[in-house]
Amino acid sequence: MSVLPLDGFKVLDLTRFLSGPYCTMVLAELGADVVKVEQPGTGDDSRRLGPKINGESYPFAMPNRSKRSVSLDLKDERGRDIFVGMAREADLIIENFRPGVVKRLGIDYEAIRAVRPGIIYCSISGFGQSGPYRDRPGFDIMAQGVTGLMRMTGQPDGRPAKVGIAVTDLAAGSTAIYSILAAELLRRRTGEGQYIDISLVDAALAWTVWESGAYFADGEVPQATGTRHRRSTPYQAYRTSDGFVTIGANNERLWRRLVLDVLARPEWLEDPRFVTLSDRMAMIDELEREIEAVTMTRTTADWTATLQAAGVPGGPVLTYDQALDDPHVIARQMIAKLEHPIIGPMRTIAPPSKFSDLPFDVRGPAPWLGQHTTEVLRETGFADDEIEVLYAEGVAFDQHPGLHKE
């Protein structure tokens, strides 16, 4: 059996929606035993999202694969005590409630550290655990709004536009992953745990690397540029006879190849509007019109082939369904197939890293709500008759008790 880097690393996952579940999905597929702790009856809020198959949310199933689900009422003292008992054997607790909620429940960092010294505890929230906005609810769109992302996305002079994916959730989840791994490496050296405070806003701002450089250097406030690059051109999508093609001729060598070998406009090399990069940036609207007058005469496939032959970066602008059917995506094995106990056969996006000798892969489907409650309660030391009482009194929950295989 292959060894994974986080084998034996136990995680209690109190997160919902996307940022935390994305983080714990990656940890699970690196070998961690991730136990998702959910509220009886409803569970993770994203279980409500459609489309659903046989009552199970397909979007929920994407970032919650490879985990186990335990359903406990943490507002009930018995449910809280069970959680604390589970925490005694855990390496990481991760939550994304609003600040203060876990303290009111009695399962905050200080409370858990008292029974499990050395615990790593990670909180993810919209605005963080400090600062004047700490108590504000914070989802991805709010974080995109207050970080300026929506003002630098979309078309010039258009309405503010949201990035097409929940980018601040994923930024926070990714930040949490490397922060947790760093804390674990440190703990293995010192034995000391760590409290980690992650916010969607902080994580998103940390990704504005070039934009912050321009602002701190000369006060430039980044604006929406459509598909254009802020520092170079031609570097954008151009209309073709049947769609769009991207072109990235962002240095002098590639500019010459584009003009001579792709667009067949050698006169542009001497055109005073386009001689230098500074000239081209100053005349970017005219350059776009001139290039599109040429690219609109042929198909995207024709231009893609011509660009490749000339050694100029470029390619089609695909719809999402076309992207998932692309032969390169298929060859890279980016779509994994698995069997869900309720949904049945399903597909998911596979882990992106390709290791030479590490089986970084989907380890199993997302659980139904409370699927592993009995299993984990037994591991925690409860007898079957005690577990039956917890079910009967609503402290524990299993949405499909009849589906367990004996």
Protein backbone atom coordinates (compact mmCIF):
# COMPACT_ATOMS: atom_id res chain seq x y z
CA MET A 1 0.00 0.00 0.00
CA SER A 2 1.32 3.42 -0.95
CA VAL A 3 2.36 5.85 1.77
CA LEU A 4 0.83 9.32 1.67
CA PRO A 5 2.43 12.37 3.35
CA LEU A 6 -0.49 12.96 5.74
CA ASP A 7 -1.18 9.36 6.72
CA GLY A 8 -2.23 9.34 10.38
CA PHE A 9 -3.09 13.08 10.36
CA LYS A 10 -6.58 13.43 11.86
CA VAL A 11 -8.78 16.38 10.95
CA LEU A 12 -12.11 17.51 12.40
CA ASP A 13 -13.71 19.63 9.70
CA LEU A 14 -16.41 22.11 10.81
CA THR A 15 -16.39 24.05 7.54
CA ARG A 16 -19.16 24.74 5.05
CA PHE A 17 -19.59 26.10 1.53
CA LEU A 18 -16.24 26.15 -0.35
CA SER A 19 -13.12 27.65 1.24
CA GLY A 20 -12.76 25.16 4.10
CA PRO A 21 -14.10 22.13 2.22
CA TYR A 22 -11.64 22.78 -0.62
CA CYS A 23 -8.78 22.90 1.90
CA THR A 24 -9.80 19.68 3.65
CA MET A 25 -10.41 17.88 0.35
CA VAL A 26 -6.77 18.45 -0.57
CA LEU A 27 -5.61 17.35 2.90
CA ALA A 28 -7.73 14.20 2.62
CA GLU A 29 -6.25 13.31 -0.73
CA LEU A 30 -2.77 13.80 0.72
CA GLY A 31 -3.67 11.10 3.24
CA ALA A 32 -5.40 12.85 6.13
CA ASP A 33 -8.42 11.26 7.83
CA VAL A 34 -10.91 14.11 7.46
CA VAL A 35 -14.08 13.80 9.53
CA LYS A 36 -16.64 16.37 8.41
CA VAL A 37 -18.80 17.31 11.41
CA GLU A 38 -22.24 18.54 10.31
CA GLN A 39 -25.49 19.71 11.86
CA PRO A 40 -28.24 17.04 12.00
CA GLY A 41 -30.91 17.32 9.34
CA THR A 42 -29.30 20.02 7.20
CA GLY A 43 -25.53 19.60 7.27
CA ASP A 44 -23.23 21.76 5.19
CA ASP A 45 -25.25 24.59 3.60
CA SER A 46 -23.92 23.65 0.17
CA ARG A 47 -25.85 20.37 0.36
CA ARG A 48 -28.85 22.49 -0.71
CA LEU A 49 -27.23 23.46 -4.02
CA GLY A 50 -28.55 22.02 -7.25
CA PRO A 51 -28.40 20.20 -9.49
CA LYS A 52 -29.18 17.14 -7.40
CA ILE A 53 -29.25 13.47 -8.31
CA ASN A 54 -31.33 11.18 -6.10
CA GLY A 55 -31.53 14.04 -3.61
CA GLU A 56 -27.76 14.51 -3.31
CA SER A 57 -26.11 17.77 -4.37
CA TYR A 58 -23.58 17.30 -7.16
CA PRO A 59 -21.83 20.64 -6.39
CA PHE A 60 -21.48 19.58 -2.72
CA ALA A 61 -19.93 16.30 -3.83
CA MET A 62 -17.08 18.04 -5.66
CA PRO A 63 -15.08 19.60 -2.73
CA ASN A 64 -16.25 17.08 -0.11
CA ARG A 65 -14.97 13.86 -1.62
CA SER A 66 -12.48 11.62 0.20
CA LYS A 67 -13.96 12.51 3.64
CA ARG A 68 -16.15 10.93 6.31
CA SER A 69 -19.30 12.62 7.64
CA VAL A 70 -20.43 12.67 11.27
CA SER A 71 -23.63 14.50 12.16
CA LEU A 72 -23.80 15.88 15.72
CA ASP A 73 -25.83 18.59 17.39
CA LEU A 74 -23.08 20.76 18.84
CA LYS A 75 -25.65 22.97 20.59
CA ASP A 76 -26.52 19.98 22.75
CA GLU A 77 -24.06 19.53 25.61
CA ARG A 78 -23.73 15.84 24.80
CA GLY A 79 -22.89 16.61 21.17
CA ARG A 80 -20.30 19.13 22.27
CA ASP A 81 -18.78 16.65 24.71
CA ILE A 82 -18.55 14.03 21.96
CA PHE A 83 -16.77 16.54 19.73
CA VAL A 84 -14.31 17.44 22.48
CA GLY A 85 -13.66 13.73 23.00
CA MET A 86 -12.94 13.36 19.27
CA ALA A 87 -10.66 16.41 19.46
CA ARG A 88 -8.42 14.66 21.98
CA GLU A 89 -7.21 12.44 19.14
CA ALA A 90 -7.19 15.09 16.41
CA ASP A 91 -4.25 16.93 14.85
CA LEU A 92 -6.25 19.71 13.23
CA ILE A 93 -9.58 21.43 13.75
CA ILE A 94 -10.73 23.73 10.98
CA GLU A 95 -13.86 25.89 11.08
CA ASN A 96 -15.41 28.75 9.14
CA PHE A 97 -18.14 30.02 11.42
CA ARG A 98 -18.49 33.72 12.04
CA PRO A 99 -16.05 34.94 14.72
CA GLY A 100 -17.23 34.11 18.23
CA VAL A 101 -19.53 31.21 17.35
CA VAL A 102 -17.11 28.45 18.31
CA LYS A 103 -16.38 30.22 21.60
CA ARG A 104 -20.09 30.28 22.44
CA LEU A 105 -20.25 26.57 21.62
CA GLY A 106 -17.27 25.90 23.88
CA ILE A 107 -15.09 24.44 21.12
CA ASP A 108 -12.78 27.37 20.36
CA TYR A 109 -8.98 27.11 20.23
CA GLU A 110 -8.42 27.75 23.92
CA ALA A 111 -11.06 25.21 24.97
CA ILE A 112 -9.66 22.51 22.68
CA ARG A 113 -6.05 23.27 23.53
CA ALA A 114 -6.90 22.65 27.18
CA VAL A 115 -7.72 18.99 26.38
CA ARG A 116 -5.45 18.54 23.35
CA PRO A 117 -2.14 20.43 23.77
CA GLY A 118 -0.40 20.71 20.44
CA ILE A 119 -3.61 21.04 18.40
CA ILE A 120 -3.49 23.01 15.16
CA TYR A 121 -6.64 25.09 14.90
CA CYS A 122 -7.54 27.00 11.72
CA SER A 123 -10.35 29.54 11.39
CA ILE A 124 -11.45 30.78 7.97
CA SER A 125 -13.82 33.75 7.75
CA GLY A 126 -14.68 36.56 5.41
CA PHE A 127 -12.80 39.31 7.22
CA GLY A 128 -10.71 37.52 9.86
CA GLN A 129 -10.80 37.34 13.63
CA SER A 130 -9.73 40.96 14.22
CA GLY A 131 -10.31 44.39 12.74
CA PRO A 132 -13.43 46.56 12.47
CA TYR A 133 -15.11 44.22 9.97
CA ARG A 134 -14.56 40.99 11.91
CA ASP A 135 -18.26 40.51 12.70
CA ARG A 136 -19.50 41.10 9.16
CA PRO A 137 -20.78 38.08 7.25
CA GLY A 138 -18.39 37.50 4.38
CA PHE A 139 -18.93 35.44 1.26
CA ASP A 140 -16.89 35.44 -1.93
CA ILE A 141 -18.76 38.31 -3.60
CA MET A 142 -18.29 40.60 -0.57
CA ALA A 143 -14.57 39.79 -0.51
CA GLN A 144 -14.28 40.44 -4.26
CA GLY A 145 -16.02 43.76 -3.69
CA VAL A 146 -13.90 45.09 -0.84
CA THR A 147 -10.56 43.96 -2.30
CA GLY A 148 -11.05 45.82 -5.58
CA LEU A 149 -11.23 42.66 -7.68
CA MET A 150 -14.64 43.54 -9.09
CA ARG A 151 -13.34 46.92 -10.25
CA MET A 152 -10.49 45.33 -12.19
CA THR A 153 -12.58 42.57 -13.80
CA GLY A 154 -14.82 42.88 -16.84
CA GLN A 155 -14.88 45.37 -19.67
CA PRO A 156 -13.56 48.95 -19.45
CA ASP A 157 -16.30 51.42 -18.45
CA GLY A 158 -18.62 48.50 -17.67
CA ARG A 159 -20.39 47.51 -14.47
CA PRO A 160 -18.27 45.84 -11.77
CA ALA A 161 -17.84 42.17 -12.65
CA LYS A 162 -17.26 39.15 -10.44
CA VAL A 163 -14.51 36.72 -11.36
CA GLY A 164 -16.26 33.72 -12.90
CA ILE A 165 -15.32 31.34 -10.08
CA ALA A 166 -15.40 31.84 -6.30
CA VAL A 167 -11.81 33.03 -6.42
CA THR A 168 -11.54 34.45 -2.89
CA ASP A 169 -12.94 31.22 -1.40
CA LEU A 170 -10.34 29.23 -3.31
CA ALA A 171 -7.60 31.72 -2.40
CA ALA A 172 -8.49 31.31 1.28
CA GLY A 173 -8.66 27.53 0.98
CA SER A 174 -5.29 27.40 -0.75
CA THR A 175 -3.78 29.74 1.86
CA ALA A 176 -5.15 27.49 4.59
CA ILE A 177 -3.56 24.42 2.98
CA TYR A 178 0.00 25.74 2.99
CA SER A 179 -0.47 27.38 6.38
CA ILE A 180 -1.64 24.11 7.94
CA LEU A 181 1.20 22.16 6.35
CA ALA A 182 3.69 24.76 7.64
CA ALA A 183 2.19 24.49 11.14
CA GLU A 184 2.42 20.70 11.01
CA LEU A 185 6.06 20.80 9.92
CA LEU A 186 6.80 23.13 12.82
CA ARG A 187 4.90 20.94 15.27
CA ARG A 188 6.90 17.91 14.22
CA ARG A 189 10.03 19.82 15.23
CA THR A 190 8.78 21.51 18.39
CA GLY A 191 5.67 19.66 19.52
CA GLU A 192 3.82 22.97 19.67
CA GLY A 193 0.47 23.61 18.04
CA GLN A 194 -0.73 26.75 16.35
CA TYR A 195 -3.78 28.95 15.85
CA ILE A 196 -4.23 30.06 12.22
CA ASP A 197 -6.48 32.98 11.25
CA ILE A 198 -7.33 33.07 7.52
CA SER A 199 -9.66 35.55 5.84
CA LEU A 200 -11.02 35.64 2.30
CA VAL A 201 -10.06 39.32 2.07
CA ASP A 202 -6.45 38.81 3.18
CA ALA A 203 -5.99 35.79 0.91
CA ALA A 204 -7.36 37.65 -2.12
CA LEU A 205 -5.22 40.73 -1.50
CA ALA A 206 -2.14 38.51 -1.27
CA TRP A 207 -2.83 37.41 -4.86
CA THR A 208 -2.79 40.99 -6.22
CA VAL A 209 0.96 40.83 -6.69
CA TRP A 210 1.53 42.93 -9.80
CA GLU A 211 -1.38 45.27 -9.08
CA SER A 212 -0.01 46.13 -5.64
CA GLY A 213 3.43 46.71 -7.14
CA ALA A 214 2.06 49.25 -9.59
CA TYR A 215 0.00 50.97 -6.92
CA PHE A 216 2.81 51.21 -4.37
CA ALA A 217 5.24 52.42 -7.05
CA ASP A 218 3.24 55.26 -8.57
CA GLY A 219 -0.32 55.17 -7.24
CA GLU A 220 -1.81 53.38 -10.25
CA VAL A 221 -5.30 52.03 -9.44
CA PRO A 222 -5.96 48.92 -11.57
CA GLN A 223 -9.02 49.18 -13.80
CA ALA A 224 -11.00 46.63 -15.76
CA THR A 225 -9.23 45.78 -19.01
CA GLY A 226 -11.34 42.99 -20.50
CA THR A 227 -8.86 40.34 -21.64
CA ARG A 228 -6.00 42.81 -22.02
CA HIS A 229 -2.78 42.68 -20.01
CA ARG A 230 -1.97 45.74 -17.90
CA ARG A 231 1.69 45.91 -18.94
CA SER A 232 1.99 44.36 -22.37
CA THR A 233 0.33 44.05 -25.75
CA PRO A 234 -0.66 42.21 -27.85
CA TYR A 235 -1.74 39.97 -25.01
CA GLN A 236 -5.49 39.37 -25.10
CA ALA A 237 -8.33 37.62 -26.92
CA TYR A 238 -9.17 38.75 -30.46
CA ARG A 239 -12.33 38.05 -32.43
CA THR A 240 -12.13 35.53 -35.28
CA SER A 241 -14.66 34.53 -37.93
CA ASP A 242 -16.19 31.97 -35.55
CA GLY A 243 -15.13 32.93 -32.04
CA PHE A 244 -12.04 34.25 -30.29
CA VAL A 245 -8.34 33.47 -30.24
CA THR A 246 -5.83 34.44 -27.57
CA ILE A 247 -2.47 35.90 -28.61
CA GLY A 248 0.47 36.44 -26.27
CA ALA A 249 3.16 38.26 -28.25
CA ASN A 250 4.47 40.06 -25.19
CA ASN A 251 8.11 40.62 -26.12
CA GLU A 252 9.92 41.97 -29.18
CA ARG A 253 10.89 38.53 -30.51
CA LEU A 254 7.29 37.29 -30.38
CA TRP A 255 5.98 40.60 -31.77
CA ARG A 256 8.16 40.21 -34.85
CA ARG A 257 7.00 36.61 -35.33
CA LEU A 258 3.37 37.64 -34.98
CA VAL A 259 3.67 40.48 -37.47
CA LEU A 260 5.76 38.60 -40.04
CA ASP A 261 4.75 34.94 -39.76
CA VAL A 262 1.18 35.04 -38.46
CA LEU A 263 -0.58 38.24 -39.47
CA ALA A 264 1.58 39.00 -42.56
CA ARG A 265 1.76 42.71 -41.78
CA PRO A 266 5.51 43.51 -42.08
CA GLU A 267 4.76 47.22 -42.43
CA TRP A 268 3.76 47.31 -38.75
CA LEU A 269 7.39 46.87 -37.77
CA GLU A 270 8.05 50.40 -39.06
CA ASP A 271 4.66 51.89 -38.18
CA PRO A 272 5.37 54.64 -35.59
CA ARG A 273 2.24 53.62 -33.70
CA PHE A 274 3.65 50.17 -32.96
CA VAL A 275 7.46 50.30 -33.05
CA THR A 276 8.09 49.83 -29.32
CA LEU A 277 6.10 48.27 -26.53
CA SER A 278 5.47 51.73 -25.11
CA ASP A 279 4.10 52.82 -28.49
CA ARG A 280 1.87 49.77 -28.68
CA MET A 281 0.53 50.30 -25.15
CA ALA A 282 -0.20 53.95 -25.91
CA MET A 283 -2.09 52.92 -29.07
CA ILE A 284 -3.65 49.74 -27.70
CA ASP A 285 -7.16 50.54 -29.00
CA GLU A 286 -5.87 51.06 -32.53
CA LEU A 287 -3.69 47.96 -32.30
CA GLU A 288 -6.69 45.88 -31.28
CA ARG A 289 -8.73 47.20 -34.22
CA GLU A 290 -5.89 46.52 -36.67
CA ILE A 291 -5.28 42.98 -35.39
CA GLU A 292 -8.98 42.09 -35.32
CA ALA A 293 -9.41 43.31 -38.88
CA VAL A 294 -7.03 40.48 -39.77
CA THR A 295 -8.09 37.77 -37.28
CA MET A 296 -11.76 38.07 -38.23
CA THR A 297 -10.95 36.80 -41.72
CA ARG A 298 -10.20 33.23 -40.53
CA THR A 299 -11.41 30.70 -38.00
CA THR A 300 -10.08 30.20 -34.51
CA ALA A 301 -8.72 26.76 -35.46
CA ASP A 302 -6.85 28.25 -38.43
CA TRP A 303 -5.26 30.96 -36.30
CA THR A 304 -4.37 28.50 -33.54
CA ALA A 305 -2.51 26.32 -36.03
CA THR A 306 -0.75 29.33 -37.57
CA LEU A 307 0.31 30.67 -34.17
CA GLN A 308 1.70 27.29 -33.15
CA ALA A 309 3.62 26.93 -36.39
CA ALA A 310 5.17 30.37 -35.84
CA GLY A 311 6.03 29.70 -32.20
CA VAL A 312 3.74 32.43 -30.91
CA PRO A 313 1.66 31.56 -27.82
CA GLY A 314 -2.05 31.51 -28.58
CA GLY A 315 -5.14 29.37 -28.64
CA PRO A 316 -8.91 29.16 -28.59
CA VAL A 317 -11.27 30.69 -26.04
CA LEU A 318 -13.36 27.68 -25.06
CA THR A 319 -16.64 27.30 -23.27
CA TYR A 320 -16.44 25.19 -20.11
CA ASP A 321 -17.96 22.11 -21.75
CA GLN A 322 -15.45 22.39 -24.59
CA ALA A 323 -12.61 22.72 -22.07
CA LEU A 324 -13.62 19.50 -20.30
CA ASP A 325 -13.80 17.67 -23.63
CA ASP A 326 -10.44 18.99 -24.81
CA PRO A 327 -8.05 16.15 -25.70
CA HIS A 328 -5.24 17.72 -23.69
CA VAL A 329 -7.40 17.81 -20.53
CA ILE A 330 -8.33 14.18 -21.13
CA ALA A 331 -4.71 13.18 -21.73
CA ARG A 332 -3.67 14.89 -18.49
CA GLN A 333 -6.27 12.76 -16.67
CA MET A 334 -7.95 15.80 -15.15
CA ILE A 335 -11.36 14.13 -14.99
CA ALA A 336 -11.75 11.31 -12.48
CA LYS A 337 -14.60 8.82 -12.32
CA LEU A 338 -15.97 7.37 -9.11
CA GLU A 339 -19.04 5.69 -7.67
CA HIS A 340 -21.19 7.58 -5.16
CA PRO A 341 -23.44 5.45 -2.91
CA ILE A 342 -26.51 7.56 -3.78
CA ILE A 343 -25.68 9.55 -6.91
CA GLY A 344 -24.15 6.53 -8.62
CA PRO A 345 -21.46 6.90 -11.30
CA MET A 346 -20.09 10.42 -11.34
CA ARG A 347 -17.22 12.52 -12.60
CA THR A 348 -15.09 15.04 -10.76
CA ILE A 349 -12.04 17.21 -11.41
CA ALA A 350 -8.93 15.26 -10.42
CA PRO A 351 -6.10 16.67 -8.27
CA PRO A 352 -3.86 18.84 -10.46
CA SER A 353 -0.38 17.94 -9.15
CA LYS A 354 1.46 15.14 -10.94
CA PHE A 355 3.99 13.49 -8.61
CA SER A 356 6.58 10.98 -9.78
CA ASP A 357 5.97 8.60 -6.87
CA LEU A 358 3.00 9.82 -4.84
CA PRO A 359 -0.56 8.63 -5.57
CA PHE A 360 -2.25 12.02 -5.20
CA ASP A 361 -5.73 11.04 -6.29
CA VAL A 362 -9.40 11.01 -5.37
CA ARG A 363 -9.73 8.59 -2.45
CA GLY A 364 -13.50 8.22 -2.45
CA PRO A 365 -16.84 9.99 -3.00
CA ALA A 366 -18.35 12.64 -0.78
CA PRO A 367 -20.32 11.14 2.12
CA TRP A 368 -24.03 11.45 2.63
CA LEU A 369 -24.98 13.44 5.73
CA GLY A 370 -23.95 11.46 8.79
CA GLN A 371 -22.79 8.44 6.80
CA HIS A 372 -19.97 7.65 9.23
CA THR A 373 -21.58 8.77 12.49
CA THR A 374 -21.86 5.27 13.97
CA GLU A 375 -18.40 4.33 12.78
CA VAL A 376 -16.73 7.37 14.35
CA LEU A 377 -18.75 7.13 17.59
CA ARG A 378 -17.55 3.55 17.97
CA GLU A 379 -13.97 4.71 17.38
CA THR A 380 -14.49 7.32 20.09
CA GLY A 381 -15.51 4.60 22.57
CA PHE A 382 -19.30 4.56 22.51
CA ALA A 383 -21.16 1.26 22.79
CA ASP A 384 -23.94 0.45 20.32
CA ASP A 385 -26.70 0.91 22.91
CA GLU A 386 -25.32 4.37 23.78
CA ILE A 387 -25.22 5.27 20.09
CA GLU A 388 -28.85 4.23 19.68
CA VAL A 389 -29.84 6.63 22.48
CA LEU A 390 -27.92 9.48 20.80
CA TYR A 391 -29.78 8.82 17.55
CA ALA A 392 -33.14 8.55 19.29
CA GLU A 393 -32.67 11.85 21.11
CA GLY A 394 -31.44 13.78 18.06
CA VAL A 395 -27.88 14.32 19.23
CA ALA A 396 -26.52 12.14 16.41
CA PHE A 397 -27.89 11.77 12.90
CA ASP A 398 -27.56 9.51 9.85
CA GLN A 399 -29.62 10.50 6.82
CA HIS A 400 -29.66 7.02 5.27
CA PRO A 401 -29.20 4.43 8.02
CA GLY A 402 -30.69 1.70 5.84
CA LEU A 403 -28.01 2.03 3.17
CA HIS A 404 -25.14 0.71 5.27
CA LYS A 405 -23.76 -2.61 4.12
CA GLU A 406 -23.43 -5.21 6.84
